[in-house]
Amino acid sequence: MNPDLQRYDAQGKVRVMKKLSLLLTLTAAFCIAAVRISSAAQPRVLEATYSGIINPACAEYIGDALEKANYGYSALVIRLDTPGGLDLSMRDIIKGILASRVPVIVYVAPAGARAASAGVYIGMSAHLLVMSPSTNIGAAHPVMIGAENSAPSGKKGGDSIMESKMMNDAAAYLKSISRQRGRNADWAFKAVTQSASLSADEAVKEKVADFMASDINDLLAKADGRELPGLGKLKLSGAQIEPFEITGRQKLLAEISDPNIAMILMSAGAAGILIEMYNPGLILPGIIGGISLLLGFYSFHTLSANISGVLLILLGIILFIAEIHVASYGMLTIGGITSILLGALMLFKGVPAMGLSISLGVLASTIGGMLVVVALIGWITIRAQLRKISAGPETLIGQKGIAKTTLTPGGTVLVAGELWNAVSSGGNIPAGAAVKIVSRDGFTLTVTPG
């Protein structure tokens, strides 16, 4: 073949390959762009679900959800069911919601859920507050953990003045949030001062909640197209819902950051330490007791427990331990019970708790459980002290033997297969006669004819 034709043919093949390569590159770029446009066109919604007390673990979880939602998501839905919680944790959550660059929707769900106390503040701070049927919201009056507080009764005592200040501060805070979100500020004031509460449909009528939704898809459909001040129109139709799971660590901290759990942990810790001190070397009760006490102290620290209450509980535990080693005829046990009871009652005195309280049932069962442990250990100790000696030289007293030599009055006797020096206290005893041991002095037994 002509070399020029060969060269031309080769160049033609190269040109064709370049065109095919360019075509494939353009096709791939077009596909990637189409996927990105499609992805951008479909909104993404992050859904965080929390049920329980508002505490530092809850604040951390919702804070993490807010941080993630602010990057690439169209909205954050917080599915909430809470009886209330701690004031500081609640305010941390609200600060995050108010500073969010994406819409935050608080959804009180499922049916039967509630947004009480601290939950009211969180719900009112959201861009949209949505409620599932058969839910309720309200009762935002601040209370003290461990104290039965109500609206101020007009007393001029220090506690009433402090409670009045707390209530006024809480009412002003909720009214401010409600006005910022365009909600019913008058009802918000009543929710704090009169513990007012509303069902889901009443909340919508009173302009507390924005609307009701049966599920998350219904919520997104109804929220789509709504205009939000500063954020524009919501575009949530056909949104992709991505759940945001609570971490195992946050779940554990949320569980133990509960006044009732804290009391149970302290009880279990005290019981474990008591058992270990009575019978050193068991190890397991000591380990469980130590871990429980540390977790209980962490919970008290998280809940800002009164140091006097914690010290009184510790004093009660020490008195219980002392009862094992000191014959106080129950006085130390009574003192321990009194100390723990007083400590539990004042444990959270003066701490704004937004609806938390220690259950009297938990308090009674905790103290009752510790009493049972102390009583059981005491019974075992007394039984051990009253038990007859079954080993050692002391067991010889009362036993019978045989005179190996004539006791006049000294001689030797055979007792339990052993030869002993013996002295007769009942006259001469002939060899081979039965004897009874009445006392022992060193290696010499005192015997009588037996």
Protein backbone atom coordinates (compact mmCIF):
# COMPACT_ATOMS: atom_id res chain seq x y z
CA MET A 1 0.00 0.00 0.00
CA ASN A 2 1.12 3.56 -0.69
CA PRO A 3 2.86 5.01 2.42
CA ASP A 4 0.92 8.29 2.00
CA LEU A 5 -2.38 6.39 2.05
CA GLN A 6 -1.30 4.51 5.16
CA ARG A 7 -0.39 7.77 6.89
CA TYR A 8 -3.75 9.33 5.92
CA ASP A 9 -5.68 6.31 7.16
CA ALA A 10 -3.86 6.35 10.51
CA GLN A 11 -4.52 10.06 10.97
CA GLY A 12 -8.19 9.50 10.20
CA LYS A 13 -8.43 6.80 12.89
CA VAL A 14 -6.82 9.12 15.44
CA ARG A 15 -9.29 11.88 14.60
CA VAL A 16 -12.21 9.46 14.99
CA MET A 17 -10.89 8.25 18.37
CA LYS A 18 -10.50 11.83 19.60
CA LYS A 19 -14.06 12.64 18.55
CA LEU A 20 -15.37 9.52 20.32
CA SER A 21 -13.40 10.37 23.46
CA LEU A 22 -14.72 13.94 23.43
CA LEU A 23 -18.27 12.65 22.92
CA LEU A 24 -17.97 10.23 25.83
CA THR A 25 -16.53 12.98 28.08
CA LEU A 26 -19.37 15.34 27.21
CA THR A 27 -21.92 12.58 27.79
CA ALA A 28 -20.46 11.77 31.23
CA ALA A 29 -20.37 15.45 32.19
CA PHE A 30 -23.98 15.84 31.06
CA CYS A 31 -25.05 12.83 33.17
CA ILE A 32 -23.24 14.13 36.26
CA ALA A 33 -24.79 17.57 35.80
CA ALA A 34 -28.22 16.01 35.35
CA VAL A 35 -27.81 13.99 38.56
CA ARG A 36 -26.67 17.10 40.45
CA ILE A 37 -29.54 19.16 39.10
CA SER A 38 -31.96 16.37 40.01
CA SER A 39 -30.44 16.08 43.48
CA ALA A 40 -30.55 19.82 43.97
CA ALA A 41 -34.14 19.91 42.78
CA GLN A 42 -35.21 17.32 45.37
CA PRO A 43 -35.16 18.91 48.83
CA ARG A 44 -33.68 17.02 51.76
CA VAL A 45 -35.17 17.13 55.25
CA LEU A 46 -33.33 16.00 58.38
CA GLU A 47 -35.53 14.39 61.05
CA ALA A 48 -34.38 14.26 64.69
CA THR A 49 -36.53 12.28 67.14
CA TYR A 50 -36.36 12.82 70.90
CA SER A 51 -38.61 11.45 73.62
CA GLY A 52 -37.81 12.12 77.26
CA ILE A 53 -36.58 14.77 79.66
CA ILE A 54 -34.86 17.88 78.32
CA ASN A 55 -31.34 17.58 79.71
CA PRO A 56 -27.74 18.20 78.56
CA ALA A 57 -27.72 15.01 76.46
CA CYS A 58 -30.88 16.18 74.66
CA ALA A 59 -29.37 19.64 74.11
CA GLU A 60 -26.24 18.04 72.63
CA TYR A 61 -28.26 15.78 70.33
CA ILE A 62 -30.50 18.54 68.98
CA GLY A 63 -27.47 20.85 68.71
CA ASP A 64 -25.73 18.24 66.53
CA ALA A 65 -28.87 17.93 64.39
CA LEU A 66 -29.04 21.71 63.93
CA GLU A 67 -25.39 21.86 62.93
CA LYS A 68 -25.83 19.14 60.33
CA ALA A 69 -29.10 20.56 58.99
CA ASN A 70 -27.45 23.92 58.26
CA TYR A 71 -25.36 22.29 55.53
CA GLY A 72 -27.30 21.02 52.52
CA TYR A 73 -30.77 20.48 54.02
CA SER A 74 -33.98 22.33 53.31
CA ALA A 75 -35.35 21.96 56.85
CA LEU A 76 -34.94 20.23 60.19
CA VAL A 77 -37.91 18.44 61.74
CA ILE A 78 -37.63 17.78 65.48
CA ARG A 79 -40.11 15.08 66.48
CA LEU A 80 -40.65 15.85 70.18
CA ASP A 81 -42.36 14.18 73.12
CA THR A 82 -41.31 15.58 76.51
CA PRO A 83 -42.70 16.22 80.02
CA GLY A 84 -40.22 19.07 80.48
CA GLY A 85 -36.68 19.39 81.69
CA LEU A 86 -33.85 21.63 82.74
CA ASP A 87 -33.88 25.36 82.10
CA LEU A 88 -30.25 25.65 80.95
CA SER A 89 -30.57 22.77 78.47
CA MET A 90 -33.82 24.22 77.14
CA ARG A 91 -32.21 27.62 76.56
CA ASP A 92 -29.26 26.04 74.75
CA ILE A 93 -31.68 24.35 72.36
CA ILE A 94 -33.67 27.55 71.79
CA LYS A 95 -30.51 29.54 71.06
CA GLY A 96 -29.59 26.99 68.40
CA ILE A 97 -33.07 27.13 66.84
CA LEU A 98 -33.16 30.93 66.77
CA ALA A 99 -29.71 31.04 65.14
CA SER A 100 -30.51 28.34 62.54
CA ARG A 101 -30.05 29.26 58.87
CA VAL A 102 -32.60 26.64 57.81
CA PRO A 103 -36.24 26.30 58.90
CA VAL A 104 -36.77 24.32 62.09
CA ILE A 105 -40.09 22.51 62.47
CA VAL A 106 -41.02 21.10 65.88
CA TYR A 107 -43.46 18.22 65.44
CA VAL A 108 -45.20 17.07 68.64
CA ALA A 109 -45.72 13.40 67.83
CA PRO A 110 -46.76 10.60 67.86
CA ALA A 111 -50.40 10.54 68.97
CA GLY A 112 -50.51 10.76 72.76
CA ALA A 113 -47.27 12.77 72.95
CA ARG A 114 -46.94 16.13 74.69
CA ALA A 115 -44.80 19.23 74.75
CA ALA A 116 -45.07 20.22 78.40
CA SER A 117 -43.09 22.69 80.47
CA ALA A 118 -39.69 23.15 78.77
CA GLY A 119 -41.17 21.54 75.64
CA VAL A 120 -43.53 24.53 75.28
CA TYR A 121 -40.59 26.94 75.00
CA ILE A 122 -38.83 24.77 72.42
CA GLY A 123 -42.00 24.39 70.36
CA MET A 124 -42.78 28.12 70.45
CA SER A 125 -39.25 28.98 69.32
CA ALA A 126 -39.52 26.89 66.12
CA HIS A 127 -40.26 28.43 62.73
CA LEU A 128 -43.21 26.05 62.51
CA LEU A 129 -44.95 24.24 65.36
CA VAL A 130 -46.94 21.25 64.18
CA MET A 131 -48.95 18.85 66.30
CA SER A 132 -50.13 15.32 65.74
CA PRO A 133 -53.77 14.53 66.61
CA SER A 134 -54.36 13.56 70.27
CA THR A 135 -51.37 15.53 71.55
CA ASN A 136 -51.20 18.52 73.89
CA ILE A 137 -49.00 21.47 74.75
CA GLY A 138 -48.77 23.66 77.85
CA ALA A 139 -48.17 23.78 81.62
CA ALA A 140 -44.97 25.83 81.41
CA HIS A 141 -44.90 27.04 85.02
CA PRO A 142 -41.35 26.65 86.40
CA VAL A 143 -41.04 24.33 89.42
CA MET A 144 -38.29 23.09 91.71
CA ILE A 145 -37.16 19.49 91.68
CA GLY A 146 -37.93 17.97 95.03
CA ALA A 147 -40.38 20.68 96.05
CA GLU A 148 -44.10 21.07 95.52
CA ASN A 149 -44.33 24.49 93.91
CA SER A 150 -47.27 26.25 92.45
CA ALA A 151 -48.06 29.78 91.52
CA PRO A 152 -46.99 32.33 94.10
CA SER A 153 -49.38 32.38 97.02
CA GLY A 154 -48.61 35.91 98.09
CA LYS A 155 -46.30 34.94 100.93
CA LYS A 156 -43.39 37.22 101.52
CA GLY A 157 -40.92 34.49 102.41
CA GLY A 158 -37.66 34.16 100.57
CA ASP A 159 -38.79 31.05 98.67
CA SER A 160 -41.96 32.76 97.41
CA ILE A 161 -40.03 35.84 96.28
CA MET A 162 -37.51 33.69 94.41
CA GLU A 163 -40.31 31.64 92.84
CA SER A 164 -42.07 34.82 91.75
CA LYS A 165 -38.87 36.08 90.12
CA MET A 166 -38.43 32.79 88.30
CA MET A 167 -42.03 32.85 87.06
CA ASN A 168 -41.79 36.43 85.81
CA ASP A 169 -38.53 35.69 84.04
CA ALA A 170 -39.97 32.56 82.42
CA ALA A 171 -43.15 34.37 81.34
CA ALA A 172 -41.19 37.25 79.78
CA TYR A 173 -38.90 34.81 77.97
CA LEU A 174 -41.78 32.79 76.48
CA LYS A 175 -43.70 35.94 75.48
CA SER A 176 -40.62 37.28 73.71
CA ILE A 177 -40.17 34.05 71.76
CA SER A 178 -43.89 33.90 70.89
CA ARG A 179 -43.92 37.45 69.52
CA GLN A 180 -40.81 36.81 67.46
CA ARG A 181 -42.52 33.83 65.81
CA GLY A 182 -45.90 35.57 65.51
CA ARG A 183 -47.69 33.30 67.96
CA ASN A 184 -50.25 33.93 70.70
CA ALA A 185 -48.22 35.77 73.36
CA ASP A 186 -51.22 36.11 75.70
CA TRP A 187 -51.64 32.35 75.88
CA ALA A 188 -47.89 31.97 76.38
CA PHE A 189 -48.15 34.19 79.45
CA LYS A 190 -51.00 32.04 80.82
CA ALA A 191 -49.04 28.85 80.13
CA VAL A 192 -46.39 30.11 82.55
CA THR A 193 -48.45 31.91 85.18
CA GLN A 194 -51.53 29.64 85.19
CA SER A 195 -50.09 26.38 83.78
CA ALA A 196 -52.56 26.62 80.87
CA SER A 197 -52.61 23.69 78.45
CA LEU A 198 -54.17 23.09 75.03
CA SER A 199 -55.07 20.07 72.93
CA ALA A 200 -53.77 19.90 69.37
CA ASP A 201 -56.88 21.33 67.67
CA GLU A 202 -57.22 24.03 70.36
CA ALA A 203 -53.57 24.99 69.88
CA VAL A 204 -54.19 25.57 66.16
CA LYS A 205 -57.32 27.65 66.87
CA GLU A 206 -55.49 29.76 69.48
CA LYS A 207 -52.62 30.38 67.00
CA VAL A 208 -50.16 28.58 69.21
CA ALA A 209 -49.48 25.77 66.70
CA ASP A 210 -49.42 26.33 62.94
CA PHE A 211 -51.33 23.24 61.88
CA MET A 212 -51.94 19.54 62.59
CA ALA A 213 -50.37 16.67 60.66
CA SER A 214 -51.01 12.93 60.86
CA ASP A 215 -47.47 11.96 59.86
CA ILE A 216 -44.20 13.38 58.54
CA ASN A 217 -45.32 13.23 54.88
CA ASP A 218 -48.53 15.05 55.70
CA LEU A 219 -46.47 17.64 57.58
CA LEU A 220 -44.15 18.29 54.62
CA ALA A 221 -47.08 18.52 52.20
CA LYS A 222 -48.86 21.11 54.35
CA ALA A 223 -45.66 23.07 55.08
CA ASP A 224 -44.71 23.29 51.40
CA GLY A 225 -45.15 26.80 50.01
CA ARG A 226 -45.40 28.55 53.38
CA GLU A 227 -43.59 31.89 53.60
CA LEU A 228 -41.20 32.26 56.55
CA PRO A 229 -39.80 35.67 57.51
CA GLY A 230 -36.12 35.86 56.59
CA LEU A 231 -36.07 32.38 55.05
CA GLY A 232 -38.43 32.74 52.10
CA LYS A 233 -40.87 30.15 50.79
CA LEU A 234 -40.58 26.55 51.94
CA LYS A 235 -39.99 24.00 49.18
CA LEU A 236 -40.58 20.63 50.79
CA SER A 237 -42.76 18.83 48.27
CA GLY A 238 -41.39 15.34 47.65
CA ALA A 239 -38.55 15.92 50.08
CA GLN A 240 -36.14 13.11 50.91
CA ILE A 241 -36.36 12.43 54.66
CA GLU A 242 -33.12 11.46 56.41
CA PRO A 243 -33.31 10.34 60.07
CA PHE A 244 -30.72 11.71 62.48
CA GLU A 245 -30.07 9.07 65.13
CA ILE A 246 -29.09 9.77 68.72
CA THR A 247 -25.71 8.25 69.62
CA GLY A 248 -25.36 5.47 72.18
CA ARG A 249 -23.41 7.81 74.46
CA GLN A 250 -26.11 10.49 74.29
CA LYS A 251 -28.81 7.89 74.93
CA LEU A 252 -26.99 6.61 78.03
CA LEU A 253 -26.42 10.13 79.39
CA ALA A 254 -30.06 11.02 78.70
CA GLU A 255 -31.22 8.01 80.70
CA ILE A 256 -29.02 8.62 83.75
CA SER A 257 -29.65 12.39 83.78
CA ASP A 258 -32.96 11.82 85.52
CA PRO A 259 -33.58 12.51 89.23
CA ASN A 260 -35.27 9.15 89.75
CA ILE A 261 -32.50 7.23 87.97
CA ALA A 262 -29.93 9.17 90.02
CA MET A 263 -31.60 8.06 93.27
CA ILE A 264 -31.72 4.44 92.09
CA LEU A 265 -28.04 4.58 91.13
CA MET A 266 -27.14 5.96 94.57
CA SER A 267 -29.17 3.19 96.21
CA ALA A 268 -27.52 0.47 94.11
CA GLY A 269 -24.10 2.00 94.76
CA ALA A 270 -24.63 2.09 98.51
CA ALA A 271 -25.91 -1.50 98.55
CA GLY A 272 -22.91 -2.73 96.55
CA ILE A 273 -20.42 -0.97 98.83
CA LEU A 274 -22.18 -2.30 101.96
CA ILE A 275 -22.07 -5.89 100.70
CA GLU A 276 -18.42 -5.58 99.68
CA MET A 277 -17.39 -4.11 103.05
CA TYR A 278 -19.21 -6.85 104.95
CA ASN A 279 -17.58 -9.58 102.90
CA PRO A 280 -14.35 -8.25 101.33
CA GLY A 281 -13.17 -10.18 98.31
CA LEU A 282 -16.50 -10.67 96.53
CA ILE A 283 -15.30 -7.94 94.12
CA LEU A 284 -18.41 -7.84 91.88
CA PRO A 285 -20.68 -5.99 94.39
CA GLY A 286 -17.88 -3.49 94.99
CA ILE A 287 -17.37 -2.87 91.27
CA ILE A 288 -21.10 -2.46 90.61
CA GLY A 289 -21.48 -0.25 93.68
CA GLY A 290 -18.56 1.98 92.73
CA ILE A 291 -19.73 2.44 89.13
CA SER A 292 -23.31 3.13 90.28
CA LEU A 293 -22.14 5.75 92.77
CA LEU A 294 -20.00 7.50 90.15
CA LEU A 295 -22.87 7.52 87.65
CA GLY A 296 -25.18 8.83 90.38
CA PHE A 297 -22.76 11.65 91.17
CA TYR A 298 -22.51 12.48 87.46
CA SER A 299 -26.29 12.64 87.23
CA PHE A 300 -26.49 14.90 90.29
CA HIS A 301 -23.79 17.15 88.80
CA THR A 302 -25.65 17.33 85.48
CA LEU A 303 -28.85 18.24 87.30
CA SER A 304 -27.04 20.86 89.43
CA ALA A 305 -27.95 19.06 92.63
CA ASN A 306 -27.70 20.83 95.98
CA ILE A 307 -24.34 19.91 97.54
CA SER A 308 -25.92 19.72 101.01
CA GLY A 309 -28.35 17.07 99.77
CA VAL A 310 -25.53 15.00 98.25
CA LEU A 311 -23.49 15.24 101.48
CA LEU A 312 -26.46 14.15 103.57
CA ILE A 313 -26.96 11.10 101.32
CA LEU A 314 -23.26 10.25 101.67
CA LEU A 315 -23.53 10.63 105.45
CA GLY A 316 -26.47 8.20 105.45
CA ILE A 317 -24.42 5.64 103.51
CA ILE A 318 -21.52 6.01 106.00
CA LEU A 319 -23.91 5.49 108.93
CA PHE A 320 -25.24 2.33 107.30
CA ILE A 321 -21.68 1.03 106.92
CA ALA A 322 -20.90 1.90 110.55
CA GLU A 323 -23.96 -0.09 111.69
CA ILE A 324 -22.25 -3.27 110.47
CA HIS A 325 -19.22 -2.73 112.71
CA VAL A 326 -20.69 -0.92 115.74
CA ALA A 327 -23.34 -2.28 118.11
CA SER A 328 -25.62 0.78 118.12
CA TYR A 329 -28.88 -1.18 118.58
CA GLY A 330 -30.32 0.37 115.39
CA MET A 331 -29.51 4.01 116.17
CA LEU A 332 -27.03 4.31 113.30
CA THR A 333 -29.57 2.79 110.91
CA ILE A 334 -32.23 5.28 112.00
CA GLY A 335 -29.73 8.10 111.57
CA GLY A 336 -28.81 6.82 108.08
CA ILE A 337 -32.45 6.65 107.00
CA THR A 338 -33.12 10.16 108.30
CA SER A 339 -30.00 11.54 106.62
CA ILE A 340 -30.80 10.00 103.22
CA LEU A 341 -34.45 11.10 103.40
CA LEU A 342 -33.52 14.70 104.22
CA GLY A 343 -30.81 14.70 101.56
CA ALA A 344 -33.21 13.42 98.89
CA LEU A 345 -35.84 16.03 99.80
CA MET A 346 -33.41 18.94 99.59
CA LEU A 347 -31.30 17.47 96.77
CA PHE A 348 -32.66 19.77 94.08
CA LYS A 349 -34.10 22.51 96.26
CA GLY A 350 -33.75 25.85 94.54
CA VAL A 351 -32.91 24.51 91.06
CA PRO A 352 -35.24 25.62 88.23
CA ALA A 353 -36.36 22.30 86.78
CA MET A 354 -39.17 23.13 84.33
CA GLY A 355 -41.33 20.19 85.37
CA LEU A 356 -38.94 17.58 86.77
CA SER A 357 -39.52 15.94 90.12
CA ILE A 358 -38.43 12.97 92.19
CA SER A 359 -41.12 10.31 92.39
CA LEU A 360 -42.17 9.57 95.96
CA GLY A 361 -42.48 5.92 94.94
CA VAL A 362 -38.86 5.86 93.76
CA LEU A 363 -37.73 7.66 96.93
CA ALA A 364 -39.62 5.20 99.16
CA SER A 365 -38.40 2.14 97.26
CA THR A 366 -34.81 3.44 97.29
CA ILE A 367 -34.74 3.94 101.05
CA GLY A 368 -36.70 0.71 101.55
CA GLY A 369 -34.20 -1.21 99.43
CA MET A 370 -31.27 0.14 101.42
CA LEU A 371 -33.07 -0.79 104.64
CA VAL A 372 -33.57 -4.34 103.41
CA VAL A 373 -29.85 -4.64 102.55
CA VAL A 374 -28.77 -3.25 105.94
CA ALA A 375 -31.28 -5.46 107.79
CA LEU A 376 -30.12 -8.55 105.88
CA ILE A 377 -26.44 -7.83 106.59
CA GLY A 378 -27.25 -7.12 110.25
CA TRP A 379 -29.16 -10.38 110.56
CA ILE A 380 -26.28 -12.33 109.01
CA THR A 381 -23.82 -10.62 111.37
CA ILE A 382 -25.88 -11.35 114.51
CA ARG A 383 -26.46 -14.94 113.42
CA ALA A 384 -22.73 -15.40 112.90
CA GLN A 385 -21.96 -13.99 116.35
CA LEU A 386 -24.51 -16.27 118.08
CA ARG A 387 -23.38 -19.41 116.27
CA LYS A 388 -21.70 -22.06 118.43
CA ILE A 389 -17.95 -22.38 118.03
CA SER A 390 -17.27 -25.38 115.78
CA ALA A 391 -13.47 -25.33 115.56
CA GLY A 392 -10.46 -24.65 117.81
CA PRO A 393 -9.61 -25.52 121.40
CA GLU A 394 -12.77 -23.83 122.71
CA THR A 395 -14.81 -26.69 121.23
CA LEU A 396 -13.37 -29.05 123.92
CA ILE A 397 -15.53 -27.57 126.65
CA GLY A 398 -18.36 -29.97 127.42
CA GLN A 399 -16.84 -32.88 125.55
CA LYS A 400 -16.20 -36.27 127.18
CA GLY A 401 -13.00 -38.27 127.31
CA ILE A 402 -11.27 -41.17 129.12
CA ALA A 403 -8.74 -40.97 131.94
CA LYS A 404 -5.55 -42.60 130.69
CA THR A 405 -3.94 -42.43 134.12
CA THR A 406 -5.32 -42.12 137.61
CA LEU A 407 -6.09 -38.44 138.28
CA THR A 408 -4.86 -37.66 141.85
CA PRO A 409 -5.82 -34.98 140.97
CA GLY A 410 -3.39 -34.56 138.03
CA GLY A 411 -2.84 -36.95 135.17
CA THR A 412 -3.63 -37.42 131.47
CA VAL A 413 -6.86 -37.87 129.58
CA LEU A 414 -7.73 -38.87 126.00
CA VAL A 415 -10.10 -36.46 124.27
CA ALA A 416 -11.01 -36.63 120.55
CA GLY A 417 -8.00 -38.83 119.87
CA GLU A 418 -5.56 -36.46 121.60
CA LEU A 419 -3.76 -36.79 124.96
CA TRP A 420 -4.13 -33.82 127.29
CA ASN A 421 -2.80 -32.97 130.75
CA ALA A 422 -5.76 -32.85 133.08
CA VAL A 423 -6.66 -31.93 136.64
CA SER A 424 -9.70 -33.40 138.39
CA SER A 425 -11.95 -30.98 140.20
CA GLY A 426 -14.15 -33.76 141.62
CA GLY A 427 -11.70 -35.90 143.57
CA ASN A 428 -9.55 -38.79 142.40
CA ILE A 429 -10.58 -40.43 139.12
CA PRO A 430 -9.31 -43.94 138.33
CA ALA A 431 -7.68 -44.80 135.00
CA GLY A 432 -10.17 -45.83 132.31
CA ALA A 433 -13.03 -43.83 133.85
CA ALA A 434 -15.07 -41.40 131.77
CA VAL A 435 -14.44 -37.71 132.32
CA LYS A 436 -16.13 -34.46 131.25
CA ILE A 437 -14.17 -31.31 130.40
CA VAL A 438 -15.37 -28.20 132.21
CA SER A 439 -12.60 -25.71 131.37
CA ARG A 440 -9.22 -25.25 129.76
CA ASP A 441 -6.13 -23.35 130.89
CA GLY A 442 -3.50 -23.43 128.20
CA PHE A 443 -2.64 -27.09 127.61
CA THR A 444 -4.28 -28.31 130.82
CA LEU A 445 -7.91 -29.38 131.06
CA THR A 446 -10.08 -29.30 134.14
CA VAL A 447 -12.33 -32.35 134.26
CA THR A 448 -14.96 -33.99 136.42
CA PRO A 449 -16.14 -37.59 136.55
CA GLY A 450 -18.39 -37.98 133.59
